Amino acid sequence: MWKARNRTYATAKLDSKLEDYAGNKALSNIKATLIYYQDHGTVLKGEPVNSPEITGIDTAAKPMKATITDCVDTSHYDEVNVKTGKKVPVGTAPVRVVYNATAINSNGKWIIWTTEIDRGRTC
C-alpha cells in the first residue's frame, strides 16, 4: 500500500494499484490527502521510511483483522511546489510519527482498511 500511496503523492494522480491494497477509511484518507496536494500544486518527493509491526491479530473475526503499528520517518520525504520545485516549509511537526492501521483479510488477501496518524506520539 505504501508504495502505491507514495506513487500517488509523487505524481498527484491516483495510482491504479492503490485499490488493490487499500480500502475503506485508508483509501479515503489517501484520496483526501491527494486532493489537498492537487489543490495546493504540490507533490511529495523522496521516500518515507517505515517500520511496521503487527501488534494484534484476530483470526476469529469475520473477516480476519490485524492491527499494525508503524513508525514512519518522513525526514527525507518533502512536499515540493510543482511549478517552482522548491520545498514547502513544514514548520515544527515531528518527522517521526506513529501510524496505526488495521487490515482485513478479504477473499484471502490482506487490505489496509483504516489508518490514523497518532499526532500525540513520536517514535
C-alpha atoms as a PDB file:
ATOM      1  CA  MET A   1       0.000   0.000   0.000  1.00  0.00           C
ATOM      2  CA  TRP A   2       2.785   2.423   0.906  1.00  0.00           C
ATOM      3  CA  LYS A   3       4.451   2.112  -2.497  1.00  0.00           C
ATOM      4  CA  ALA A   4       1.177   2.834  -4.330  1.00  0.00           C
ATOM      5  CA  ARG A   5       0.443   5.655  -1.882  1.00  0.00           C
ATOM      6  CA  ASN A   6       3.887   7.166  -2.459  1.00  0.00           C
ATOM      7  CA  ARG A   7       3.432   6.981  -6.244  1.00  0.00           C
ATOM      8  CA  THR A   8       0.063   8.727  -5.843  1.00  0.00           C
ATOM      9  CA  TYR A   9       1.574  11.604  -3.882  1.00  0.00           C
ATOM     10  CA  ALA A  10       4.656  11.861  -6.134  1.00  0.00           C
ATOM     11  CA  THR A  11       2.559  12.293  -9.285  1.00  0.00           C
ATOM     12  CA  ALA A  12      -0.580  13.959  -7.861  1.00  0.00           C
ATOM     13  CA  LYS A  13      -2.562  11.206  -9.623  1.00  0.00           C
ATOM     14  CA  LEU A  14      -4.289   8.216  -8.061  1.00  0.00           C
ATOM     15  CA  ASP A  15      -2.126   5.137  -8.601  1.00  0.00           C
ATOM     16  CA  SER A  16      -4.044   2.405 -10.420  1.00  0.00           C
ATOM     17  CA  LYS A  17      -2.797  -0.260  -7.962  1.00  0.00           C
ATOM     18  CA  LEU A  18      -3.858   1.584  -4.802  1.00  0.00           C
ATOM     19  CA  GLU A  19      -7.292  -0.038  -4.534  1.00  0.00           C
ATOM     20  CA  ASP A  20      -5.603  -3.456  -4.592  1.00  0.00           C
ATOM     21  CA  TYR A  21      -4.029  -2.630  -1.215  1.00  0.00           C
ATOM     22  CA  ALA A  22      -6.278  -0.063   0.491  1.00  0.00           C
ATOM     23  CA  GLY A  23      -9.989   0.242   1.156  1.00  0.00           C
ATOM     24  CA  ASN A  24     -12.498   1.955   3.417  1.00  0.00           C
ATOM     25  CA  LYS A  25     -11.021   4.753   5.575  1.00  0.00           C
ATOM     26  CA  ALA A  26      -7.431   4.048   4.470  1.00  0.00           C
ATOM     27  CA  LEU A  27      -8.324   4.679   0.825  1.00  0.00           C
ATOM     28  CA  SER A  28     -10.478   7.694   1.707  1.00  0.00           C
ATOM     29  CA  ASN A  29      -7.626   9.262   3.697  1.00  0.00           C
ATOM     30  CA  ILE A  30      -5.232   8.874   0.763  1.00  0.00           C
ATOM     31  CA  LYS A  31      -7.743  10.340  -1.691  1.00  0.00           C
ATOM     32  CA  ALA A  32      -8.445  13.311   0.600  1.00  0.00           C
ATOM     33  CA  THR A  33      -4.724  13.982   1.008  1.00  0.00           C
ATOM     34  CA  LEU A  34      -4.247  13.702  -2.763  1.00  0.00           C
ATOM     35  CA  ILE A  35      -6.911  16.382  -3.297  1.00  0.00           C
ATOM     36  CA  TYR A  36      -5.089  18.623  -0.813  1.00  0.00           C
ATOM     37  CA  TYR A  37      -1.817  18.274  -2.755  1.00  0.00           C
ATOM     38  CA  GLN A  38      -3.584  18.843  -6.085  1.00  0.00           C
ATOM     39  CA  ASP A  39      -5.328  21.960  -4.753  1.00  0.00           C
ATOM     40  CA  HIS A  40      -2.022  23.338  -3.450  1.00  0.00           C
ATOM     41  CA  GLY A  41       0.006  22.445  -6.557  1.00  0.00           C
ATOM     42  CA  THR A  42       2.405  20.237  -4.625  1.00  0.00           C
ATOM     43  CA  VAL A  43       3.751  16.684  -4.725  1.00  0.00           C
ATOM     44  CA  LEU A  44       5.892  14.638  -2.349  1.00  0.00           C
ATOM     45  CA  LYS A  45       9.457  13.787  -3.276  1.00  0.00           C
ATOM     46  CA  GLY A  46      11.684  11.216  -1.604  1.00  0.00           C
ATOM     47  CA  GLU A  47      10.545   8.231   0.414  1.00  0.00           C
ATOM     48  CA  PRO A  48       9.298   7.765   3.945  1.00  0.00           C
ATOM     49  CA  VAL A  49      10.946   5.019   5.990  1.00  0.00           C
ATOM     50  CA  ASN A  50       8.508   2.555   7.541  1.00  0.00           C
ATOM     51  CA  SER A  51       8.963   0.178  10.473  1.00  0.00           C
ATOM     52  CA  PRO A  52       5.621  -1.685  10.664  1.00  0.00           C
ATOM     53  CA  GLU A  53       4.858  -4.275  13.315  1.00  0.00           C
ATOM     54  CA  ILE A  54       1.765  -6.434  13.663  1.00  0.00           C
ATOM     55  CA  THR A  55       0.557  -5.588  17.142  1.00  0.00           C
ATOM     56  CA  GLY A  56      -2.619  -7.649  17.130  1.00  0.00           C
ATOM     57  CA  ILE A  57      -4.472 -10.223  15.090  1.00  0.00           C
ATOM     58  CA  ASP A  58      -8.000 -11.580  15.341  1.00  0.00           C
ATOM     59  CA  THR A  59      -8.367 -14.755  13.282  1.00  0.00           C
ATOM     60  CA  ALA A  60     -11.839 -15.421  14.704  1.00  0.00           C
ATOM     61  CA  ALA A  61     -13.238 -12.163  13.297  1.00  0.00           C
ATOM     62  CA  LYS A  62     -15.156 -12.272  10.029  1.00  0.00           C
ATOM     63  CA  PRO A  63     -13.246 -11.029   8.109  1.00  0.00           C
ATOM     64  CA  MET A  64      -9.959 -11.669   9.918  1.00  0.00           C
ATOM     65  CA  LYS A  65      -8.404  -8.471  11.218  1.00  0.00           C
ATOM     66  CA  ALA A  66      -4.867  -7.367  12.055  1.00  0.00           C
ATOM     67  CA  THR A  67      -3.656  -4.269  13.870  1.00  0.00           C
ATOM     68  CA  ILE A  68      -0.441  -2.670  12.639  1.00  0.00           C
ATOM     69  CA  THR A  69       1.668  -0.042  14.384  1.00  0.00           C
ATOM     70  CA  ASP A  70       4.234   1.707  12.234  1.00  0.00           C
ATOM     71  CA  CYS A  71       6.932   4.257  12.959  1.00  0.00           C
ATOM     72  CA  VAL A  72       7.083   6.469   9.872  1.00  0.00           C
ATOM     73  CA  ASP A  73      10.178   8.621   9.352  1.00  0.00           C
ATOM     74  CA  THR A  74       9.493  11.446   6.901  1.00  0.00           C
ATOM     75  CA  SER A  75      12.819  13.239   7.292  1.00  0.00           C
ATOM     76  CA  HIS A  76      13.608  12.532   3.607  1.00  0.00           C
ATOM     77  CA  TYR A  77      10.064  12.973   2.279  1.00  0.00           C
ATOM     78  CA  ASP A  78       9.389  16.541   1.220  1.00  0.00           C
ATOM     79  CA  GLU A  79       6.394  18.450  -0.069  1.00  0.00           C
ATOM     80  CA  VAL A  80       7.516  20.319  -3.195  1.00  0.00           C
ATOM     81  CA  ASN A  81       5.829  23.027  -5.262  1.00  0.00           C
ATOM     82  CA  VAL A  82       5.244  21.557  -8.743  1.00  0.00           C
ATOM     83  CA  LYS A  83       5.898  24.852 -10.592  1.00  0.00           C
ATOM     84  CA  THR A  84       8.979  26.029  -8.698  1.00  0.00           C
ATOM     85  CA  GLY A  85      10.461  22.742  -7.499  1.00  0.00           C
ATOM     86  CA  LYS A  86      11.047  24.356  -4.098  1.00  0.00           C
ATOM     87  CA  LYS A  87      10.345  22.613  -0.806  1.00  0.00           C
ATOM     88  CA  VAL A  88       7.273  23.777   1.077  1.00  0.00           C
ATOM     89  CA  PRO A  89       8.131  24.874   4.635  1.00  0.00           C
ATOM     90  CA  VAL A  90       6.896  22.275   7.140  1.00  0.00           C
ATOM     91  CA  GLY A  91       7.019  24.054  10.468  1.00  0.00           C
ATOM     92  CA  THR A  92       7.810  22.224  13.678  1.00  0.00           C
ATOM     93  CA  ALA A  93       5.855  18.981  13.230  1.00  0.00           C
ATOM     94  CA  PRO A  94       7.827  15.846  14.180  1.00  0.00           C
ATOM     95  CA  VAL A  95       9.353  13.897  11.288  1.00  0.00           C
ATOM     96  CA  ARG A  96       8.916  10.519  13.030  1.00  0.00           C
ATOM     97  CA  VAL A  97       5.324   9.671  13.882  1.00  0.00           C
ATOM     98  CA  VAL A  98       3.304   6.644  14.957  1.00  0.00           C
ATOM     99  CA  TYR A  99       0.949   5.425  12.257  1.00  0.00           C
ATOM    100  CA  ASN A 100      -1.800   2.992  13.310  1.00  0.00           C
ATOM    101  CA  ALA A 101      -3.611   0.809  10.811  1.00  0.00           C
ATOM    102  CA  THR A 102      -5.971  -2.116  10.622  1.00  0.00           C
ATOM    103  CA  ALA A 103      -6.012  -4.664   7.839  1.00  0.00           C
ATOM    104  CA  ILE A 104      -8.714  -7.122   6.914  1.00  0.00           C
ATOM    105  CA  ASN A 105      -8.406 -10.377   5.044  1.00  0.00           C
ATOM    106  CA  SER A 106     -10.797 -10.158   2.123  1.00  0.00           C
ATOM    107  CA  ASN A 107     -11.022 -13.236  -0.119  1.00  0.00           C
ATOM    108  CA  GLY A 108      -7.633 -14.493   1.074  1.00  0.00           C
ATOM    109  CA  LYS A 109      -5.898 -11.132   0.562  1.00  0.00           C
ATOM    110  CA  TRP A 110      -4.955  -8.577   3.208  1.00  0.00           C
ATOM    111  CA  ILE A 111      -6.117  -4.993   2.587  1.00  0.00           C
ATOM    112  CA  ILE A 112      -5.294  -1.959   4.726  1.00  0.00           C
ATOM    113  CA  TRP A 113      -8.707  -0.872   5.984  1.00  0.00           C
ATOM    114  CA  THR A 114      -8.141   2.026   8.371  1.00  0.00           C
ATOM    115  CA  THR A 115      -5.236   4.356   9.015  1.00  0.00           C
ATOM    116  CA  GLU A 116      -4.607   7.044  11.562  1.00  0.00           C
ATOM    117  CA  ILE A 117      -1.574   9.147  12.394  1.00  0.00           C
ATOM    118  CA  ASP A 118      -1.133   9.385  16.163  1.00  0.00           C
ATOM    119  CA  ARG A 119      -0.044  13.036  16.268  1.00  0.00           C
ATOM    120  CA  GLY A 120       0.388  12.839  20.040  1.00  0.00           C
ATOM    121  CA  ARG A 121       3.239  10.313  19.826  1.00  0.00           C
ATOM    122  CA  THR A 122       6.627  10.239  18.171  1.00  0.00           C
ATOM    123  CA  CYS A 123       8.866   7.244  17.706  1.00  0.00           C
END
